[in-house]
Amino acid sequence: MLREQLEQRVRDLKAEYAAGQTMLTDLETRQATLRDTLLRISGAIQVLEEELAKVVPAAAPALAPSAAASDTSLPHSSEGV
């Protein structure tokens, strides 16, 4: 009877071990996939930031005169009210 209990416990532990190995393999695969996704997102962020840096300086001179014009028009509109 003791032998049967020990054999059953060994079978149970082997099944649990196999299930754990399967879960570990799955998690490692998911980790690699997530790492690749984050790397792609990081690259996309870098490209977009570089493109944004090209666009913002080109747009800044165009915004500066209109900002100055709106600054000068605001006191005049306040005086009229």
PDB file of N, CA and C in Angstrom:
ATOM      1  N   MET A   1       0.811  -1.187   0.000  1.00  0.00           N
ATOM      2  CA  MET A   1       0.000   0.000   0.000  1.00  0.00           C
ATOM      3  C   MET A   1       0.864   1.265   0.000  1.00  0.00           C
ATOM      4  N   LEU A   2       1.915   1.278   0.780  1.00  0.00           N
ATOM      5  CA  LEU A   2       2.823   2.417   0.811  1.00  0.00           C
ATOM      6  C   LEU A   2       3.470   2.610  -0.553  1.00  0.00           C
ATOM      7  N   ARG A   3       3.831   1.481  -1.175  1.00  0.00           N
ATOM      8  CA  ARG A   3       4.455   1.553  -2.498  1.00  0.00           C
ATOM      9  C   ARG A   3       3.502   2.201  -3.501  1.00  0.00           C
ATOM     10  N   GLU A   4       2.238   1.828  -3.454  1.00  0.00           N
ATOM     11  CA  GLU A   4       1.247   2.393  -4.381  1.00  0.00           C
ATOM     12  C   GLU A   4       1.083   3.893  -4.146  1.00  0.00           C
ATOM     13  N   GLN A   5       1.103   4.304  -2.915  1.00  0.00           N
ATOM     14  CA  GLN A   5       0.978   5.721  -2.597  1.00  0.00           C
ATOM     15  C   GLN A   5       2.178   6.503  -3.120  1.00  0.00           C
ATOM     16  N   LEU A   6       3.364   5.924  -2.909  1.00  0.00           N
ATOM     17  CA  LEU A   6       4.585   6.587  -3.389  1.00  0.00           C
ATOM     18  C   LEU A   6       4.601   6.664  -4.915  1.00  0.00           C
ATOM     19  N   GLU A   7       4.199   5.590  -5.568  1.00  0.00           N
ATOM     20  CA  GLU A   7       4.162   5.595  -7.035  1.00  0.00           C
ATOM     21  C   GLU A   7       3.159   6.618  -7.550  1.00  0.00           C
ATOM     22  N   GLN A   8       2.018   6.707  -6.878  1.00  0.00           N
ATOM     23  CA  GLN A   8       1.009   7.701  -7.285  1.00  0.00           C
ATOM     24  C   GLN A   8       1.538   9.116  -7.090  1.00  0.00           C
ATOM     25  N   ARG A   9       2.229   9.322  -5.985  1.00  0.00           N
ATOM     26  CA  ARG A   9       2.801  10.659  -5.716  1.00  0.00           C
ATOM     27  C   ARG A   9       3.841  11.011  -6.765  1.00  0.00           C
ATOM     28  N   VAL A  10       4.661  10.051  -7.166  1.00  0.00           N
ATOM     29  CA  VAL A  10       5.662  10.274  -8.212  1.00  0.00           C
ATOM     30  C   VAL A  10       4.964  10.641  -9.520  1.00  0.00           C
ATOM     31  N   ARG A  11       3.898   9.918  -9.870  1.00  0.00           N
ATOM     32  CA  ARG A  11       3.147  10.223 -11.096  1.00  0.00           C
ATOM     33  C   ARG A  11       2.558  11.636 -11.038  1.00  0.00           C
ATOM     34  N   ASP A  12       1.995  11.980  -9.903  1.00  0.00           N
ATOM     35  CA  ASP A  12       1.408  13.317  -9.734  1.00  0.00           C
ATOM     36  C   ASP A  12       2.466  14.411  -9.892  1.00  0.00           C
ATOM     37  N   LEU A  13       3.607  14.189  -9.247  1.00  0.00           N
ATOM     38  CA  LEU A  13       4.674  15.187  -9.325  1.00  0.00           C
ATOM     39  C   LEU A  13       5.229  15.308 -10.742  1.00  0.00           C
ATOM     40  N   LYS A  14       5.357  14.191 -11.446  1.00  0.00           N
ATOM     41  CA  LYS A  14       5.832  14.237 -12.825  1.00  0.00           C
ATOM     42  C   LYS A  14       4.855  14.998 -13.713  1.00  0.00           C
ATOM     43  N   ALA A  15       3.565  14.784 -13.496  1.00  0.00           N
ATOM     44  CA  ALA A  15       2.551  15.509 -14.270  1.00  0.00           C
ATOM     45  C   ALA A  15       2.604  17.004 -13.948  1.00  0.00           C
ATOM     46  N   GLU A  16       2.753  17.332 -12.685  1.00  0.00           N
ATOM     47  CA  GLU A  16       2.856  18.733 -12.272  1.00  0.00           C
ATOM     48  C   GLU A  16       4.110  19.385 -12.851  1.00  0.00           C
ATOM     49  N   TYR A  17       5.203  18.630 -12.854  1.00  0.00           N
ATOM     50  CA  TYR A  17       6.460  19.137 -13.408  1.00  0.00           C
ATOM     51  C   TYR A  17       6.311  19.406 -14.910  1.00  0.00           C
ATOM     52  N   ALA A  18       5.689  18.465 -15.623  1.00  0.00           N
ATOM     53  CA  ALA A  18       5.485  18.636 -17.058  1.00  0.00           C
ATOM     54  C   ALA A  18       4.609  19.856 -17.339  1.00  0.00           C
ATOM     55  N   ALA A  19       3.566  20.042 -16.537  1.00  0.00           N
ATOM     56  CA  ALA A  19       2.697  21.209 -16.699  1.00  0.00           C
ATOM     57  C   ALA A  19       3.471  22.499 -16.433  1.00  0.00           C
ATOM     58  N   GLY A  20       4.323  22.482 -15.434  1.00  0.00           N
ATOM     59  CA  GLY A  20       5.154  23.648 -15.128  1.00  0.00           C
ATOM     60  C   GLY A  20       6.123  23.965 -16.258  1.00  0.00           C
ATOM     61  N   GLN A  21       6.715  22.930 -16.839  1.00  0.00           N
ATOM     62  CA  GLN A  21       7.630  23.129 -17.963  1.00  0.00           C
ATOM     63  C   GLN A  21       6.892  23.749 -19.162  1.00  0.00           C
ATOM     64  N   THR A  22       5.668  23.270 -19.410  1.00  0.00           N
ATOM     65  CA  THR A  22       4.866  23.814 -20.499  1.00  0.00           C
ATOM     66  C   THR A  22       4.545  25.284 -20.251  1.00  0.00           C
ATOM     67  N   MET A  23       4.157  25.598 -19.017  1.00  0.00           N
ATOM     68  CA  MET A  23       3.864  26.994 -18.679  1.00  0.00           C
ATOM     69  C   MET A  23       5.095  27.868 -18.821  1.00  0.00           C
ATOM     70  N   LEU A  24       6.244  27.371 -18.396  1.00  0.00           N
ATOM     71  CA  LEU A  24       7.476  28.134 -18.495  1.00  0.00           C
ATOM     72  C   LEU A  24       7.830  28.407 -19.946  1.00  0.00           C
ATOM     73  N   THR A  25       7.698  27.410 -20.794  1.00  0.00           N
ATOM     74  CA  THR A  25       7.976  27.590 -22.219  1.00  0.00           C
ATOM     75  C   THR A  25       7.035  28.629 -22.821  1.00  0.00           C
ATOM     76  N   ASP A  26       5.757  28.559 -22.441  1.00  0.00           N
ATOM     77  CA  ASP A  26       4.775  29.529 -22.928  1.00  0.00           C
ATOM     78  C   ASP A  26       5.132  30.941 -22.483  1.00  0.00           C
ATOM     79  N   LEU A  27       5.500  31.088 -21.219  1.00  0.00           N
ATOM     80  CA  LEU A  27       5.868  32.409 -20.705  1.00  0.00           C
ATOM     81  C   LEU A  27       7.120  32.954 -21.382  1.00  0.00           C
ATOM     82  N   GLU A  28       8.093  32.094 -21.646  1.00  0.00           N
ATOM     83  CA  GLU A  28       9.302  32.536 -22.330  1.00  0.00           C
ATOM     84  C   GLU A  28       8.985  32.998 -23.750  1.00  0.00           C
ATOM     85  N   THR A  29       8.070  32.286 -24.416  1.00  0.00           N
ATOM     86  CA  THR A  29       7.653  32.684 -25.760  1.00  0.00           C
ATOM     87  C   THR A  29       6.928  34.025 -25.712  1.00  0.00           C
ATOM     88  N   ARG A  30       6.036  34.171 -24.755  1.00  0.00           N
ATOM     89  CA  ARG A  30       5.304  35.436 -24.610  1.00  0.00           C
ATOM     90  C   ARG A  30       6.251  36.583 -24.285  1.00  0.00           C
ATOM     91  N   GLN A  31       7.266  36.318 -23.464  1.00  0.00           N
ATOM     92  CA  GLN A  31       8.241  37.336 -23.108  1.00  0.00           C
ATOM     93  C   GLN A  31       9.017  37.791 -24.343  1.00  0.00           C
ATOM     94  N   ALA A  32       9.443  36.840 -25.166  1.00  0.00           N
ATOM     95  CA  ALA A  32      10.176  37.174 -26.385  1.00  0.00           C
ATOM     96  C   ALA A  32       9.298  37.977 -27.343  1.00  0.00           C
ATOM     97  N   THR A  33       8.032  37.581 -27.464  1.00  0.00           N
ATOM     98  CA  THR A  33       7.107  38.306 -28.331  1.00  0.00           C
ATOM     99  C   THR A  33       6.890  39.728 -27.823  1.00  0.00           C
ATOM    100  N   LEU A  34       6.709  39.877 -26.524  1.00  0.00           N
ATOM    101  CA  LEU A  34       6.519  41.204 -25.939  1.00  0.00           C
ATOM    102  C   LEU A  34       7.761  42.061 -26.116  1.00  0.00           C
ATOM    103  N   ARG A  35       8.936  41.464 -25.942  1.00  0.00           N
ATOM    104  CA  ARG A  35      10.192  42.194 -26.117  1.00  0.00           C
ATOM    105  C   ARG A  35      10.301  42.701 -27.556  1.00  0.00           C
ATOM    106  N   ASP A  36       9.956  41.857 -28.536  1.00  0.00           N
ATOM    107  CA  ASP A  36       9.989  42.269 -29.939  1.00  0.00           C
ATOM    108  C   ASP A  36       8.996  43.387 -30.208  1.00  0.00           C
ATOM    109  N   THR A  37       7.818  43.280 -29.626  1.00  0.00           N
ATOM    110  CA  THR A  37       6.803  44.325 -29.808  1.00  0.00           C
ATOM    111  C   THR A  37       7.278  45.648 -29.232  1.00  0.00           C
ATOM    112  N   LEU A  38       7.836  45.611 -28.039  1.00  0.00           N
ATOM    113  CA  LEU A  38       8.344  46.833 -27.421  1.00  0.00           C
ATOM    114  C   LEU A  38       9.489  47.429 -28.227  1.00  0.00           C
ATOM    115  N   LEU A  39      10.316  46.594 -28.811  1.00  0.00           N
ATOM    116  CA  LEU A  39      11.410  47.084 -29.642  1.00  0.00           C
ATOM    117  C   LEU A  39      10.866  47.788 -30.884  1.00  0.00           C
ATOM    118  N   ARG A  40       9.838  47.201 -31.503  1.00  0.00           N
ATOM    119  CA  ARG A  40       9.225  47.841 -32.673  1.00  0.00           C
ATOM    120  C   ARG A  40       8.576  49.165 -32.293  1.00  0.00           C
ATOM    121  N   ILE A  41       7.880  49.201 -31.148  1.00  0.00           N
ATOM    122  CA  ILE A  41       7.244  50.437 -30.700  1.00  0.00           C
ATOM    123  C   ILE A  41       8.299  51.501 -30.413  1.00  0.00           C
ATOM    124  N   SER A  42       9.368  51.104 -29.783  1.00  0.00           N
ATOM    125  CA  SER A  42      10.454  52.032 -29.489  1.00  0.00           C
ATOM    126  C   SER A  42      11.036  52.611 -30.775  1.00  0.00           C
ATOM    127  N   GLY A  43      11.226  51.765 -31.768  1.00  0.00           N
ATOM    128  CA  GLY A  43      11.731  52.243 -33.054  1.00  0.00           C
ATOM    129  C   GLY A  43      10.763  53.204 -33.715  1.00  0.00           C
ATOM    130  N   ALA A  44       9.482  52.912 -33.648  1.00  0.00           N
ATOM    131  CA  ALA A  44       8.470  53.796 -34.232  1.00  0.00           C
ATOM    132  C   ALA A  44       8.461  55.146 -33.515  1.00  0.00           C
ATOM    133  N   ILE A  45       8.588  55.123 -32.192  1.00  0.00           N
ATOM    134  CA  ILE A  45       8.645  56.372 -31.426  1.00  0.00           C
ATOM    135  C   ILE A  45       9.844  57.199 -31.861  1.00  0.00           C
ATOM    136  N   GLN A  46      10.988  56.547 -32.009  1.00  0.00           N
ATOM    137  CA  GLN A  46      12.197  57.254 -32.404  1.00  0.00           C
ATOM    138  C   GLN A  46      12.028  57.899 -33.776  1.00  0.00           C
ATOM    139  N   VAL A  47      11.479  57.145 -34.732  1.00  0.00           N
ATOM    140  CA  VAL A  47      11.282  57.691 -36.081  1.00  0.00           C
ATOM    141  C   VAL A  47      10.326  58.875 -36.037  1.00  0.00           C
ATOM    142  N   LEU A  48       9.216  58.731 -35.316  1.00  0.00           N
ATOM    143  CA  LEU A  48       8.238  59.819 -35.242  1.00  0.00           C
ATOM    144  C   LEU A  48       8.813  61.045 -34.545  1.00  0.00           C
ATOM    145  N   GLU A  49       9.609  60.843 -33.508  1.00  0.00           N
ATOM    146  CA  GLU A  49      10.235  61.986 -32.837  1.00  0.00           C
ATOM    147  C   GLU A  49      11.220  62.690 -33.763  1.00  0.00           C
ATOM    148  N   GLU A  50      11.960  61.930 -34.562  1.00  0.00           N
ATOM    149  CA  GLU A  50      12.877  62.538 -35.522  1.00  0.00           C
ATOM    150  C   GLU A  50      12.111  63.335 -36.571  1.00  0.00           C
ATOM    151  N   GLU A  51      11.001  62.770 -37.058  1.00  0.00           N
ATOM    152  CA  GLU A  51      10.176  63.488 -38.036  1.00  0.00           C
ATOM    153  C   GLU A  51       9.557  64.729 -37.406  1.00  0.00           C
ATOM    154  N   LEU A  52       9.117  64.614 -36.168  1.00  0.00           N
ATOM    155  CA  LEU A  52       8.543  65.748 -35.468  1.00  0.00           C
ATOM    156  C   LEU A  52       9.583  66.857 -35.289  1.00  0.00           C
ATOM    157  N   ALA A  53      10.812  66.490 -34.998  1.00  0.00           N
ATOM    158  CA  ALA A  53      11.879  67.472 -34.832  1.00  0.00           C
ATOM    159  C   ALA A  53      12.137  68.208 -36.142  1.00  0.00           C
ATOM    160  N   LYS A  54      11.945  67.543 -37.270  1.00  0.00           N
ATOM    161  CA  LYS A  54      12.115  68.196 -38.576  1.00  0.00           C
ATOM    162  C   LYS A  54      10.972  69.163 -38.843  1.00  0.00           C
ATOM    163  N   VAL A  55       9.773  68.809 -38.433  1.00  0.00           N
ATOM    164  CA  VAL A  55       8.588  69.610 -38.726  1.00  0.00           C
ATOM    165  C   VAL A  55       8.484  70.812 -37.804  1.00  0.00           C
ATOM    166  N   VAL A  56       8.760  70.650 -36.533  1.00  0.00           N
ATOM    167  CA  VAL A  56       8.574  71.721 -35.555  1.00  0.00           C
ATOM    168  C   VAL A  56       9.459  72.926 -35.848  1.00  0.00           C
ATOM    169  N   PRO A  57      10.756  72.774 -36.120  1.00  0.00           N
ATOM    170  CA  PRO A  57      11.551  73.971 -36.429  1.00  0.00           C
ATOM    171  C   PRO A  57      11.061  74.671 -37.692  1.00  0.00           C
ATOM    172  N   ALA A  58      10.568  73.937 -38.675  1.00  0.00           N
ATOM    173  CA  ALA A  58      10.062  74.558 -39.890  1.00  0.00           C
ATOM    174  C   ALA A  58       8.778  75.316 -39.606  1.00  0.00           C
ATOM    175  N   ALA A  59       7.969  74.850 -38.703  1.00  0.00           N
ATOM    176  CA  ALA A  59       6.703  75.497 -38.386  1.00  0.00           C
ATOM    177  C   ALA A  59       6.888  76.621 -37.372  1.00  0.00           C
ATOM    178  N   ALA A  60       7.929  76.595 -36.570  1.00  0.00           N
ATOM    179  CA  ALA A  60       8.135  77.588 -35.526  1.00  0.00           C
ATOM    180  C   ALA A  60       8.228  79.004 -36.073  1.00  0.00           C
ATOM    181  N   PRO A  61       8.990  79.287 -37.148  1.00  0.00           N
ATOM    182  CA  PRO A  61       9.027  80.657 -37.666  1.00  0.00           C
ATOM    183  C   PRO A  61       7.650  81.121 -38.136  1.00  0.00           C
ATOM    184  N   ALA A  62       6.859  80.237 -38.676  1.00  0.00           N
ATOM    185  CA  ALA A  62       5.527  80.613 -39.126  1.00  0.00           C
ATOM    186  C   ALA A  62       4.623  80.915 -37.936  1.00  0.00           C
ATOM    187  N   LEU A  63       4.837  80.259 -36.826  1.00  0.00           N
ATOM    188  CA  LEU A  63       4.008  80.497 -35.654  1.00  0.00           C
ATOM    189  C   LEU A  63       4.423  81.761 -34.909  1.00  0.00           C
ATOM    190  N   ALA A  64       5.697  82.087 -34.942  1.00  0.00           N
ATOM    191  CA  ALA A  64       6.188  83.227 -34.184  1.00  0.00           C
ATOM    192  C   ALA A  64       5.541  84.541 -34.633  1.00  0.00           C
ATOM    193  N   PRO A  65       5.471  84.868 -35.928  1.00  0.00           N
ATOM    194  CA  PRO A  65       4.829  86.137 -36.316  1.00  0.00           C
ATOM    195  C   PRO A  65       3.346  86.172 -35.955  1.00  0.00           C
ATOM    196  N   SER A  66       2.643  85.082 -36.125  1.00  0.00           N
ATOM    197  CA  SER A  66       1.220  85.092 -35.797  1.00  0.00           C
ATOM    198  C   SER A  66       1.027  85.209 -34.288  1.00  0.00           C
ATOM    199  N   ALA A  67       1.917  84.623 -33.530  1.00  0.00           N
ATOM    200  CA  ALA A  67       1.835  84.745 -32.074  1.00  0.00           C
ATOM    201  C   ALA A  67       2.103  86.188 -31.672  1.00  0.00           C
ATOM    202  N   ALA A  68       3.063  86.812 -32.321  1.00  0.00           N
ATOM    203  CA  ALA A  68       3.359  88.214 -32.028  1.00  0.00           C
ATOM    204  C   ALA A  68       2.191  89.096 -32.448  1.00  0.00           C
ATOM    205  N   ALA A  69       1.582  88.792 -33.586  1.00  0.00           N
ATOM    206  CA  ALA A  69       0.438  89.570 -34.052  1.00  0.00           C
ATOM    207  C   ALA A  69      -0.733  89.409 -33.108  1.00  0.00           C
ATOM    208  N   SER A  70      -0.961  88.216 -32.627  1.00  0.00           N
ATOM    209  CA  SER A  70      -2.074  88.013 -31.706  1.00  0.00           C
ATOM    210  C   SER A  70      -1.794  88.691 -30.374  1.00  0.00           C
ATOM    211  N   ASP A  71      -0.512  88.756 -29.969  1.00  0.00           N
ATOM    212  CA  ASP A  71      -0.175  89.437 -28.730  1.00  0.00           C
ATOM    213  C   ASP A  71      -0.472  90.925 -28.844  1.00  0.00           C
ATOM    214  N   THR A  72      -0.170  91.512 -29.996  1.00  0.00           N
ATOM    215  CA  THR A  72      -0.419  92.934 -30.169  1.00  0.00           C
ATOM    216  C   THR A  72      -1.904  93.208 -30.350  1.00  0.00           C
ATOM    217  N   SER A  73      -2.650  92.251 -30.893  1.00  0.00           N
ATOM    218  CA  SER A  73      -4.078  92.485 -31.100  1.00  0.00           C
ATOM    219  C   SER A  73      -4.866  92.299 -29.802  1.00  0.00           C
ATOM    220  N   LEU A  74      -4.379  91.529 -28.879  1.00  0.00           N
ATOM    221  CA  LEU A  74      -5.114  91.306 -27.649  1.00  0.00           C
ATOM    222  C   LEU A  74      -5.277  92.586 -26.808  1.00  0.00           C
ATOM    223  N   PRO A  75      -4.222  93.367 -26.620  1.00  0.00           N
ATOM    224  CA  PRO A  75      -4.432  94.605 -25.844  1.00  0.00           C
ATOM    225  C   PRO A  75      -5.405  95.543 -26.559  1.00  0.00           C
ATOM    226  N   HIS A  76      -5.344  95.577 -27.912  1.00  0.00           N
ATOM    227  CA  HIS A  76      -6.245  96.463 -28.620  1.00  0.00           C
ATOM    228  C   HIS A  76      -7.689  96.018 -28.437  1.00  0.00           C
ATOM    229  N   SER A  77      -7.930  94.681 -28.487  1.00  0.00           N
ATOM    230  CA  SER A  77      -9.293  94.193 -28.306  1.00  0.00           C
ATOM    231  C   SER A  77      -9.761  94.430 -26.869  1.00  0.00           C
ATOM    232  N   SER A  78      -8.839  94.405 -25.920  1.00  0.00           N
ATOM    233  CA  SER A  78      -9.203  94.669 -24.533  1.00  0.00           C
ATOM    234  C   SER A  78      -9.557  96.123 -24.343  1.00  0.00           C
ATOM    235  N   GLU A  79      -8.854  97.007 -25.063  1.00  0.00           N
ATOM    236  CA  GLU A  79      -9.128  98.431 -24.925  1.00  0.00           C
ATOM    237  C   GLU A  79     -10.489  98.773 -25.504  1.00  0.00           C
ATOM    238  N   GLY A  80     -10.868  98.035 -26.578  1.00  0.00           N
ATOM    239  CA  GLY A  80     -12.149  98.296 -27.235  1.00  0.00           C
ATOM    240  C   GLY A  80     -13.323  97.814 -26.402  1.00  0.00           C
ATOM    241  N   VAL A  81     -13.093  96.930 -25.453  1.00  0.00           N
ATOM    242  CA  VAL A  81     -14.202  96.382 -24.655  1.00  0.00           C
ATOM    243  C   VAL A  81     -14.457  97.209 -23.482  1.00  0.00           C
TER     244      VAL A  81
END
